[in-house]
Amino acid sequence: MQSLAIEFKSAGHRWGFPRNIVDVPFFVDSQATRLIQYADLVSYALWRKFEQGDSEFFEAISSSFDSDGGAVHGLHHLKGRSEACDCPACANRLL
């Protein structure tokens, strides 16, 4: 994972080069730090929303994603063009 992160930082992506990568991937038991536990909870909420169709936990965090001028940043998921979605990221792209 660390070599992939280094390659991503140096080679960039289709929108250019990342400017604000804080660190390389870090693997730790989620009981060791609360920040990892928060990341686990956010991941679980996103998984429940997009894979299981249950938005209960997602609704609690949906307003916390970075946004600017009504555009939500950092929240993306893969779906077919014909699939309807009411998440902030998709609703934002319909404008």
Protein backbone atom coordinates (compact mmCIF):
# COMPACT_ATOMS: atom_id res chain seq x y z
CA MET A 1 0.00 0.00 0.00
CA GLN A 2 2.83 2.39 0.76
CA SER A 3 4.36 1.94 -2.68
CA LEU A 4 0.96 2.56 -4.30
CA ALA A 5 0.57 5.76 -2.28
CA ILE A 6 4.03 6.95 -3.34
CA GLU A 7 3.23 6.18 -6.98
CA PHE A 8 -0.12 7.98 -6.75
CA LYS A 9 1.56 11.05 -5.28
CA SER A 10 4.29 11.16 -7.95
CA ALA A 11 2.27 10.03 -11.02
CA GLY A 12 -0.97 11.85 -10.23
CA HIS A 13 -4.45 11.00 -11.44
CA ARG A 14 -6.77 12.07 -14.27
CA TRP A 15 -7.39 15.49 -12.67
CA GLY A 16 -3.74 16.26 -12.02
CA PHE A 17 -1.49 15.75 -9.03
CA PRO A 18 -2.59 15.45 -5.41
CA ARG A 19 -1.48 18.47 -3.39
CA ASN A 20 -2.47 17.54 0.13
CA ILE A 21 -1.63 13.94 0.93
CA VAL A 22 -0.93 13.92 4.64
CA ASP A 23 0.68 10.53 5.01
CA VAL A 24 1.07 7.06 3.59
CA PRO A 25 -1.55 4.39 4.39
CA PHE A 26 -1.35 3.31 8.00
CA PHE A 27 -2.57 -0.03 9.28
CA VAL A 28 -3.43 -0.28 12.96
CA ASP A 29 -5.95 -2.07 15.12
CA SER A 30 -8.96 0.24 15.41
CA GLN A 31 -8.92 -0.21 19.18
CA ALA A 32 -5.56 1.57 19.31
CA THR A 33 -6.80 5.04 18.39
CA ARG A 34 -10.11 6.87 18.25
CA LEU A 35 -9.35 8.41 14.84
CA ILE A 36 -9.23 4.97 13.28
CA GLN A 37 -12.49 4.14 15.03
CA TYR A 38 -14.06 7.27 13.49
CA ALA A 39 -12.82 6.23 10.07
CA ASP A 40 -14.32 2.77 10.61
CA LEU A 41 -17.68 4.34 11.52
CA VAL A 42 -17.68 6.61 8.46
CA SER A 43 -16.75 3.68 6.22
CA TYR A 44 -19.53 1.59 7.72
CA ALA A 45 -22.09 4.38 7.22
CA LEU A 46 -21.07 4.74 3.56
CA TRP A 47 -21.12 0.99 2.99
CA ARG A 48 -24.62 0.71 4.51
CA LYS A 49 -25.88 3.56 2.31
CA PHE A 50 -24.40 2.54 -1.02
CA GLU A 51 -24.22 -1.24 -0.75
CA GLN A 52 -27.17 -2.06 1.47
CA GLY A 53 -29.55 0.83 0.74
CA ASP A 54 -29.79 1.77 4.44
CA SER A 55 -29.24 5.51 4.94
CA GLU A 56 -29.77 5.64 8.73
CA PHE A 57 -26.10 6.15 9.61
CA PHE A 58 -25.27 8.11 6.44
CA GLU A 59 -27.87 10.75 7.29
CA ALA A 60 -26.03 11.43 10.55
CA ILE A 61 -22.78 12.31 8.71
CA SER A 62 -23.91 13.52 5.27
CA SER A 63 -23.70 17.22 6.15
CA SER A 64 -20.09 16.80 7.39
CA PHE A 65 -18.47 16.31 3.98
CA ASP A 66 -16.43 19.21 2.63
CA SER A 67 -18.42 21.50 0.37
CA ASP A 68 -17.88 24.76 -1.45
CA GLY A 69 -20.57 26.77 -3.20
CA GLY A 70 -23.03 23.90 -2.89
CA ALA A 71 -20.62 21.38 -4.41
CA VAL A 72 -19.78 18.41 -2.19
CA HIS A 73 -16.15 17.28 -2.40
CA GLY A 74 -14.65 13.98 -1.28
CA LEU A 75 -17.84 11.93 -1.59
CA HIS A 76 -17.98 9.77 -4.71
CA HIS A 77 -19.34 6.37 -5.54
CA LEU A 78 -19.71 4.22 -8.63
CA LYS A 79 -23.17 3.68 -10.04
CA GLY A 80 -24.70 3.13 -13.42
CA ARG A 81 -25.89 6.18 -15.37
CA SER A 82 -29.47 4.95 -15.20
CA GLU A 83 -29.37 4.37 -11.44
CA ALA A 84 -31.12 7.03 -9.38
CA CYS A 85 -29.33 8.31 -6.31
CA ASP A 86 -30.26 11.01 -3.82
CA CYS A 87 -26.92 11.31 -2.02
CA PRO A 88 -25.35 14.79 -1.76
CA ALA A 89 -22.61 13.91 -4.26
CA CYS A 90 -25.01 12.81 -7.00
CA ALA A 91 -27.59 15.50 -6.37
CA ASN A 92 -24.78 18.00 -6.63
CA ARG A 93 -23.68 16.70 -10.04
CA LEU A 94 -27.18 17.05 -11.47
CA LEU A 95 -27.11 20.83 -11.03
